[in-house]
Amino acid sequence: MSKKTETVLSGAQATAEAIKLCKPEVIPVYPITPQTGIIETISQMVADGDLDAKIINVESEHSAMAAAIGAQATGVRAYTATAGQGMALMHEMLFVASGMRLPIVMSVSNRTLSSPLNIWNDQQDSFSERDSGWIQLYVENAQEAFDTHIQAFRIAQETDTPVMVCMDGFIVSHTYESLELLGEDKVKSFLPEYKATFKLDPANPVTMGPVASPDYFVKFKKQQQDAMLGAKENIKNANEKYAEISGRKYGNGLIELINMEGKENAIITIGSMTGSARELAEKHGIGIIRVRCLRPFPVEDLQEACKDLKSIGVLEKDISFGANGALYDEIKAALYIIESRSKVSNFIIGLGGKPISLEDISSIMEKVKQGKEGVEWLD
């Protein structure tokens, strides 16, 4: 199959189609709303013989990541998916996966964290894991979910670093869109066969994840940091190369600039809310900077994009309790380095699935143009 295929799929189904093309061999699964549609679709593909993979039904998300770690350590591609509380339960194992430099790919259908109990969307779950050593990519819609998962497998195996692809739960995972798939031959030309740098092999015994004394532990962590920072170029390159086979490109892979030419004011978005902002940017005469990659954090790219702006508004679906929105604080730190005089405001929006209307976005854009500063909750 060499031609492109247009179809209507949900974000969850689009993700499953991408996973099928990337051919992971082991897929540990545990259901949790709103991620379940992904693993249900993949499980059906395996049952129908459309994907040659081992589905492992585990007893928890902690076990799902543990099984993915074990499988990837033997030298095969492993994949899983999670959301919200499930991701929180994985917390310990996320650090194990990244510390062992295992290029696992995981879908995150973003869901808020309890308590109070809530199954709807914000990005508190993945933002809470931004220091776990995983590359984090955030998508805007189902088409980008399909495209970014294919890129993620390439990025992961080039950097020996796990990658999570984050999509807003229900808003992207359950919404049906017209999108374009790729043929198997195109994906095969883009995604090389996986050959593990190190693997568990009885014929060539190695130890993976051993005890490390303080003298050596810091060396492992520095290697992780260097790999993460170096991954910026891998992400950019994957974005470029993917555009060659698909015709679709997402900014420079790290950030996307929308309606920015000649603008003095801009909002910074992440995830699906960018779609609403796109409709209004030209009307309000304001630019949009979409953060596609949260880790590694695109400091230099954001500095360049923001250097001549008078006013910036950061919109995000998370809160770092006792501080501010996490993205806002990181933007402020990046601009401090270049001694930017931009006025920067923070809008905490959409927590717990609170709908974000066009009127909300319009109001924010006008406040940014007026030079608002500080933090505002839209409740």
Protein backbone atom coordinates (compact mmCIF):
# COMPACT_ATOMS: atom_id res chain seq x y z
CA MET A 1 0.00 0.00 0.00
CA SER A 2 1.80 3.12 -1.22
CA LYS A 3 -0.92 5.73 -1.63
CA LYS A 4 -2.30 7.96 1.09
CA THR A 5 -5.69 7.03 2.54
CA GLU A 6 -8.29 9.55 3.71
CA THR A 7 -10.71 8.42 6.39
CA VAL A 8 -12.71 9.58 9.40
CA LEU A 9 -11.35 8.42 12.76
CA SER A 10 -11.28 9.46 16.39
CA GLY A 11 -7.98 10.47 17.94
CA ALA A 12 -7.84 7.10 19.70
CA GLN A 13 -8.40 5.20 16.45
CA ALA A 14 -5.88 7.37 14.62
CA THR A 15 -3.33 6.56 17.30
CA ALA A 16 -4.03 2.84 16.95
CA GLU A 17 -3.52 3.07 13.18
CA ALA A 18 -0.14 4.71 13.74
CA ILE A 19 0.88 2.05 16.25
CA LYS A 20 -0.07 -0.70 13.79
CA LEU A 21 2.25 0.82 11.18
CA CYS A 22 5.15 1.07 13.67
CA LYS A 23 4.83 -2.64 14.60
CA PRO A 24 5.66 -2.84 18.32
CA GLU A 25 6.08 -6.48 19.34
CA VAL A 26 4.90 -6.24 22.97
CA ILE A 27 1.96 -4.13 24.18
CA PRO A 28 1.10 -4.31 27.91
CA VAL A 29 -2.37 -2.87 28.49
CA TYR A 30 -4.60 -1.74 31.32
CA PRO A 31 -7.84 0.19 30.65
CA ILE A 32 -8.56 3.67 31.97
CA THR A 33 -10.88 6.37 30.65
CA PRO A 34 -10.31 8.22 28.33
CA GLN A 35 -7.43 6.12 26.99
CA THR A 36 -9.27 2.79 26.71
CA GLY A 37 -10.33 3.32 23.10
CA ILE A 38 -6.70 3.18 22.02
CA ILE A 39 -5.92 -0.21 23.51
CA GLU A 40 -9.33 -1.63 22.57
CA THR A 41 -8.68 -0.78 18.93
CA ILE A 42 -5.14 -2.14 19.03
CA SER A 43 -6.29 -5.33 20.76
CA GLN A 44 -8.86 -5.88 18.00
CA MET A 45 -6.13 -5.39 15.39
CA VAL A 46 -4.06 -8.09 17.07
CA ALA A 47 -7.06 -10.43 17.34
CA ASP A 48 -7.85 -9.91 13.65
CA GLY A 49 -4.27 -10.65 12.64
CA ASP A 50 -3.61 -7.12 11.38
CA LEU A 51 -0.81 -6.56 13.91
CA ASP A 52 1.67 -9.22 14.97
CA ALA A 53 2.17 -8.29 18.61
CA LYS A 54 1.83 -9.80 22.07
CA ILE A 55 -0.89 -8.14 24.14
CA ILE A 56 -0.24 -8.53 27.87
CA ASN A 57 -3.24 -7.91 30.12
CA VAL A 58 -1.75 -6.68 33.39
CA GLU A 59 -3.24 -5.91 36.79
CA SER A 60 -2.39 -2.18 36.92
CA GLU A 61 -0.70 0.66 35.09
CA HIS A 62 2.37 0.22 37.30
CA SER A 63 2.58 -3.33 35.96
CA ALA A 64 1.96 -2.14 32.39
CA MET A 65 5.07 0.02 32.48
CA ALA A 66 7.05 -2.69 34.28
CA ALA A 67 6.15 -5.15 31.51
CA ALA A 68 7.04 -2.61 28.82
CA ILE A 69 10.41 -2.10 30.50
CA GLY A 70 11.06 -5.84 30.58
CA ALA A 71 10.07 -6.30 26.95
CA GLN A 72 12.04 -3.32 25.62
CA ALA A 73 15.10 -4.48 27.56
CA THR A 74 15.12 -7.68 25.48
CA GLY A 75 15.54 -5.64 22.31
CA VAL A 76 12.02 -5.34 20.88
CA ARG A 77 9.74 -2.34 20.46
CA ALA A 78 7.31 -1.95 23.34
CA TYR A 79 4.31 0.37 23.56
CA THR A 80 1.58 1.18 26.06
CA ALA A 81 -1.00 3.86 26.82
CA THR A 82 -2.42 5.49 29.93
CA ALA A 83 -4.19 8.50 31.41
CA GLY A 84 -4.64 10.46 34.63
CA GLN A 85 -4.52 8.27 37.74
CA GLY A 86 -2.98 5.46 35.73
CA MET A 87 -0.05 7.65 34.83
CA ALA A 88 0.34 8.66 38.46
CA LEU A 89 0.46 4.98 39.42
CA MET A 90 3.26 4.53 36.87
CA HIS A 91 5.35 7.27 38.47
CA GLU A 92 8.08 5.01 39.90
CA MET A 93 8.42 2.98 36.70
CA LEU A 94 8.64 6.05 34.45
CA PHE A 95 11.95 6.93 36.10
CA VAL A 96 13.13 3.33 35.73
CA ALA A 97 12.37 3.34 31.99
CA SER A 98 14.20 6.59 31.32
CA GLY A 99 17.09 5.74 33.65
CA MET A 100 17.63 2.47 31.78
CA ARG A 101 17.54 4.44 28.49
CA LEU A 102 14.74 2.33 27.02
CA PRO A 103 13.01 3.86 23.96
CA ILE A 104 9.45 2.95 24.95
CA VAL A 105 6.63 4.93 23.33
CA MET A 106 3.49 5.69 25.34
CA SER A 107 0.25 7.44 24.49
CA VAL A 108 -1.23 9.69 27.16
CA SER A 109 -4.89 10.63 26.82
CA ASN A 110 -4.67 13.53 29.23
CA ARG A 111 -7.05 13.41 32.20
CA THR A 112 -7.09 15.40 35.41
CA LEU A 113 -6.00 13.91 38.73
CA SER A 114 -8.17 13.22 41.79
CA SER A 115 -9.31 14.47 44.24
CA PRO A 116 -12.18 15.33 43.73
CA LEU A 117 -12.75 12.51 41.25
CA ASN A 118 -12.93 13.75 37.69
CA ILE A 119 -12.50 11.88 34.40
CA TRP A 120 -12.33 14.93 32.13
CA ASN A 121 -9.44 16.65 30.50
CA ASP A 122 -6.66 18.81 31.69
CA GLN A 123 -2.90 18.25 31.47
CA GLN A 124 -2.07 17.91 35.14
CA ASP A 125 -1.16 14.23 34.73
CA SER A 126 1.63 14.60 32.17
CA PHE A 127 2.84 17.97 33.49
CA SER A 128 3.33 16.27 36.84
CA GLU A 129 5.75 13.85 35.13
CA ARG A 130 7.78 16.41 33.19
CA ASP A 131 10.87 15.65 35.30
CA SER A 132 10.69 11.87 34.82
CA GLY A 133 13.16 11.80 31.95
CA TRP A 134 10.63 11.21 29.17
CA ILE A 135 10.41 13.29 26.01
CA GLN A 136 6.94 14.89 25.98
CA LEU A 137 5.17 15.82 22.73
CA TYR A 138 1.69 17.45 22.73
CA VAL A 139 -0.68 17.24 19.77
CA GLU A 140 -3.50 19.48 18.64
CA ASN A 141 -5.81 17.06 16.83
CA ALA A 142 -6.28 13.50 15.57
CA GLN A 143 -4.18 14.00 12.44
CA GLU A 144 -1.26 15.17 14.51
CA ALA A 145 -1.78 12.27 16.92
CA PHE A 146 -1.35 9.86 14.01
CA ASP A 147 1.69 11.67 12.65
CA THR A 148 3.41 12.28 15.97
CA HIS A 149 3.24 8.68 17.17
CA ILE A 150 5.11 7.57 14.05
CA GLN A 151 7.71 10.27 14.68
CA ALA A 152 7.91 9.26 18.35
CA PHE A 153 9.20 5.76 17.60
CA ARG A 154 11.99 7.21 15.47
CA ILE A 155 12.90 9.86 18.05
CA ALA A 156 12.91 7.31 20.87
CA GLN A 157 15.21 4.83 19.18
CA GLU A 158 17.59 7.54 17.91
CA THR A 159 18.03 8.98 21.39
CA ASP A 160 17.58 5.87 23.60
CA THR A 161 15.00 7.93 25.50
CA PRO A 162 11.33 7.07 26.07
CA VAL A 163 8.69 9.30 24.49
CA MET A 164 5.15 10.09 25.57
CA VAL A 165 2.69 11.54 23.06
CA CYS A 166 0.03 13.56 24.88
CA MET A 167 -3.45 14.22 23.49
CA ASP A 168 -6.28 15.95 25.32
CA GLY A 169 -8.68 13.31 26.62
CA PHE A 170 -12.14 13.26 24.97
CA ILE A 171 -11.38 16.50 23.09
CA VAL A 172 -8.91 14.69 20.82
CA SER A 173 -9.20 11.04 21.83
CA HIS A 174 -12.97 10.79 21.25
CA THR A 175 -13.56 13.41 18.55
CA TYR A 176 -13.89 12.13 14.96
CA GLU A 177 -12.04 13.99 12.23
CA SER A 178 -11.26 13.55 8.57
CA LEU A 179 -7.60 12.66 8.32
CA GLU A 180 -5.03 11.15 6.03
CA LEU A 181 -3.20 7.92 6.80
CA LEU A 182 0.05 6.73 5.29
CA GLY A 183 0.88 3.48 3.60
CA GLU A 184 3.10 0.91 5.23
CA ASP A 185 5.89 1.45 2.69
CA LYS A 186 6.18 5.15 3.50
CA VAL A 187 6.36 4.50 7.23
CA LYS A 188 8.94 1.77 6.66
CA SER A 189 11.12 4.25 4.75
CA PHE A 190 10.84 6.74 7.62
CA LEU A 191 11.17 4.40 10.60
CA PRO A 192 14.27 2.18 10.54
CA GLU A 193 14.20 -1.31 11.96
CA TYR A 194 14.79 -1.21 15.70
CA LYS A 195 18.20 -2.44 16.79
CA ALA A 196 18.78 -2.04 20.52
CA THR A 197 22.00 -0.39 21.69
CA PHE A 198 22.03 -2.85 24.61
CA LYS A 199 19.71 -5.74 25.35
CA LEU A 200 19.27 -8.71 27.63
CA ASP A 201 20.74 -11.69 25.80
CA PRO A 202 21.80 -15.04 27.34
CA ALA A 203 24.55 -15.29 24.72
CA ASN A 204 25.98 -11.92 25.75
CA PRO A 205 25.03 -11.33 29.41
CA VAL A 206 24.70 -7.74 30.65
CA THR A 207 23.31 -6.09 33.77
CA MET A 208 20.68 -3.38 33.27
CA GLY A 209 19.51 -1.00 35.99
CA PRO A 210 22.03 -2.07 38.67
CA VAL A 211 22.78 -0.39 41.98
CA ALA A 212 24.92 2.73 41.43
CA SER A 213 26.99 4.39 44.12
CA PRO A 214 26.88 8.20 44.44
CA ASP A 215 30.11 8.52 42.44
CA TYR A 216 28.56 6.77 39.45
CA PHE A 217 24.91 7.76 39.82
CA VAL A 218 25.59 11.37 38.86
CA LYS A 219 27.34 10.22 35.69
CA PHE A 220 24.23 8.30 34.61
CA LYS A 221 22.04 11.35 35.25
CA LYS A 222 24.38 13.63 33.28
CA GLN A 223 24.20 11.22 30.35
CA GLN A 224 20.41 11.36 30.52
CA GLN A 225 20.46 15.15 30.55
CA ASP A 226 22.82 15.32 27.59
CA ALA A 227 20.65 12.89 25.64
CA MET A 228 17.50 14.86 26.44
CA LEU A 229 19.02 18.17 25.36
CA GLY A 230 20.43 16.57 22.24
CA ALA A 231 16.98 15.19 21.40
CA LYS A 232 15.90 18.66 20.26
CA GLU A 233 17.74 18.10 17.00
CA ASN A 234 16.29 14.60 16.63
CA ILE A 235 12.77 16.00 17.09
CA LYS A 236 13.38 18.73 14.53
CA ASN A 237 14.87 16.27 12.08
CA ALA A 238 12.00 13.78 12.51
CA ASN A 239 9.54 16.60 11.82
CA GLU A 240 11.40 17.55 8.63
CA LYS A 241 11.81 14.00 7.35
CA TYR A 242 8.20 13.16 8.11
CA ALA A 243 7.08 16.16 6.05
CA GLU A 244 8.89 14.63 3.07
CA ILE A 245 6.73 11.48 3.15
CA SER A 246 3.46 13.05 4.30
CA GLY A 247 3.41 16.72 3.26
CA ARG A 248 2.63 17.65 6.87
CA LYS A 249 4.96 19.64 9.09
CA TYR A 250 4.42 20.96 12.62
CA GLY A 251 6.45 24.13 13.00
CA ASN A 252 10.05 23.17 13.61
CA GLY A 253 8.98 20.14 15.65
CA LEU A 254 9.46 21.91 18.99
CA ILE A 255 7.22 24.95 18.57
CA GLU A 256 4.83 26.19 15.89
CA LEU A 257 4.41 29.88 15.03
CA ILE A 258 0.94 30.94 13.88
CA ASN A 259 0.03 34.41 12.57
CA MET A 260 3.23 35.81 14.10
CA GLU A 261 4.56 37.97 11.28
CA GLY A 262 4.76 41.61 12.39
CA LYS A 263 2.90 40.95 15.66
CA GLU A 264 3.77 42.67 18.95
CA ASN A 265 1.52 40.48 21.10
CA ALA A 266 1.09 36.72 21.28
CA ILE A 267 -0.45 33.93 23.28
CA ILE A 268 1.38 30.69 24.04
CA THR A 269 -0.73 27.52 23.86
CA ILE A 270 -0.24 23.77 24.22
CA GLY A 271 -2.52 20.98 23.03
CA SER A 272 -6.01 21.16 21.55
CA MET A 273 -6.89 24.67 22.72
CA THR A 274 -4.72 25.93 19.86
CA GLY A 275 -7.50 25.00 17.46
CA SER A 276 -9.87 27.55 18.99
CA ALA A 277 -7.15 30.18 19.08
CA ARG A 278 -6.39 29.72 15.37
CA GLU A 279 -9.92 30.82 14.51
CA LEU A 280 -9.48 34.12 16.35
CA ALA A 281 -5.84 35.13 15.90
CA GLU A 282 -6.25 37.14 12.71
CA LYS A 283 -9.42 38.83 13.93
CA HIS A 284 -7.67 40.05 17.09
CA GLY A 285 -4.37 40.83 15.38
CA ILE A 286 -2.41 38.58 17.71
CA GLY A 287 0.11 35.80 17.19
CA ILE A 288 0.15 32.25 18.57
CA ILE A 289 3.16 30.27 19.71
CA ARG A 290 2.21 26.62 20.13
CA VAL A 291 4.48 24.55 22.36
CA ARG A 292 4.62 21.09 20.82
CA CYS A 293 7.49 19.76 22.90
CA LEU A 294 7.49 20.30 26.67
CA ARG A 295 10.51 18.08 27.31
CA PRO A 296 13.13 18.83 26.26
CA PHE A 297 12.01 22.39 26.88
CA PRO A 298 12.63 24.52 23.73
CA VAL A 299 14.28 27.43 25.55
CA GLU A 300 16.20 28.91 22.62
CA ASP A 301 13.29 28.60 20.19
CA LEU A 302 10.92 30.35 22.59
CA GLN A 303 13.45 33.07 23.30
CA GLU A 304 13.79 33.78 19.58
CA ALA A 305 10.02 33.76 19.04
CA CYS A 306 9.35 36.09 21.99
CA LYS A 307 12.31 38.47 21.86
CA ASP A 308 10.47 41.38 20.19
CA LEU A 309 7.04 40.92 21.75
CA LYS A 310 5.53 43.56 24.01
CA SER A 311 3.01 41.27 25.69
CA ILE A 312 2.60 37.50 26.06
CA GLY A 313 -0.21 35.41 27.53
CA VAL A 314 0.47 31.80 28.53
CA LEU A 315 -2.63 29.55 28.45
CA GLU A 316 -2.40 26.17 30.18
CA LYS A 317 -4.47 23.38 31.69
CA ASP A 318 -2.36 22.74 34.77
CA ILE A 319 -1.30 24.32 38.05
CA SER A 320 1.90 23.87 40.02
CA PHE A 321 0.42 24.30 43.49
CA GLY A 322 2.21 26.94 45.51
CA ALA A 323 3.65 28.50 42.37
CA ASN A 324 1.85 29.22 39.07
CA GLY A 325 1.10 27.43 35.84
CA ALA A 326 4.18 25.30 35.16
CA LEU A 327 4.52 26.43 31.55
CA TYR A 328 4.23 30.09 32.58
CA ASP A 329 7.04 29.78 35.10
CA GLU A 330 9.29 28.12 32.53
CA ILE A 331 8.50 30.80 29.95
CA LYS A 332 9.27 33.50 32.48
CA ALA A 333 12.60 31.85 33.33
CA ALA A 334 13.53 31.57 29.63
CA LEU A 335 12.75 35.25 29.00
CA TYR A 336 14.63 36.32 32.13
CA ILE A 337 17.81 34.91 30.63
CA ILE A 338 17.58 37.26 27.63
CA GLU A 339 16.41 40.17 29.81
CA SER A 340 13.15 40.42 27.91
CA ARG A 341 10.89 43.35 28.77
CA SER A 342 7.76 41.59 27.57
CA LYS A 343 4.77 41.72 29.87
CA VAL A 344 3.84 38.11 30.61
CA SER A 345 0.49 36.90 31.94
CA ASN A 346 -0.74 33.44 32.88
CA PHE A 347 -4.25 32.07 32.30
CA ILE A 348 -5.16 28.85 34.13
CA ILE A 349 -7.90 27.50 31.90
CA GLY A 350 -9.87 24.32 31.34
CA LEU A 351 -9.00 22.55 34.59
CA GLY A 352 -11.07 19.41 35.17
CA GLY A 353 -12.56 19.64 31.68
CA LYS A 354 -14.10 23.10 32.10
CA PRO A 355 -15.13 24.05 28.54
CA ILE A 356 -13.00 26.67 26.82
CA SER A 357 -15.19 28.84 24.61
CA LEU A 358 -14.26 31.15 21.76
CA GLU A 359 -15.43 33.97 24.00
CA ASP A 360 -12.91 32.89 26.64
CA ILE A 361 -10.08 32.94 24.10
CA SER A 362 -11.20 36.30 22.68
CA SER A 363 -11.26 37.82 26.17
CA ILE A 364 -7.77 36.52 26.89
CA MET A 365 -6.41 37.87 23.60
CA GLU A 366 -7.73 41.34 24.37
CA LYS A 367 -6.25 41.27 27.87
CA VAL A 368 -2.88 40.28 26.45
CA LYS A 369 -3.02 43.12 23.92
CA GLN A 370 -3.72 45.51 26.81
CA GLY A 371 -0.52 44.38 28.54
CA LYS A 372 -1.98 42.35 31.38
CA GLU A 373 0.51 40.77 33.80
CA GLY A 374 0.20 38.17 36.56
CA VAL A 375 -1.91 35.03 36.95
CA GLU A 376 -5.64 34.72 36.29
CA TRP A 377 -7.87 31.67 36.78
CA LEU A 378 -10.76 31.30 34.32
CA ASP A 379 -13.35 29.42 36.36
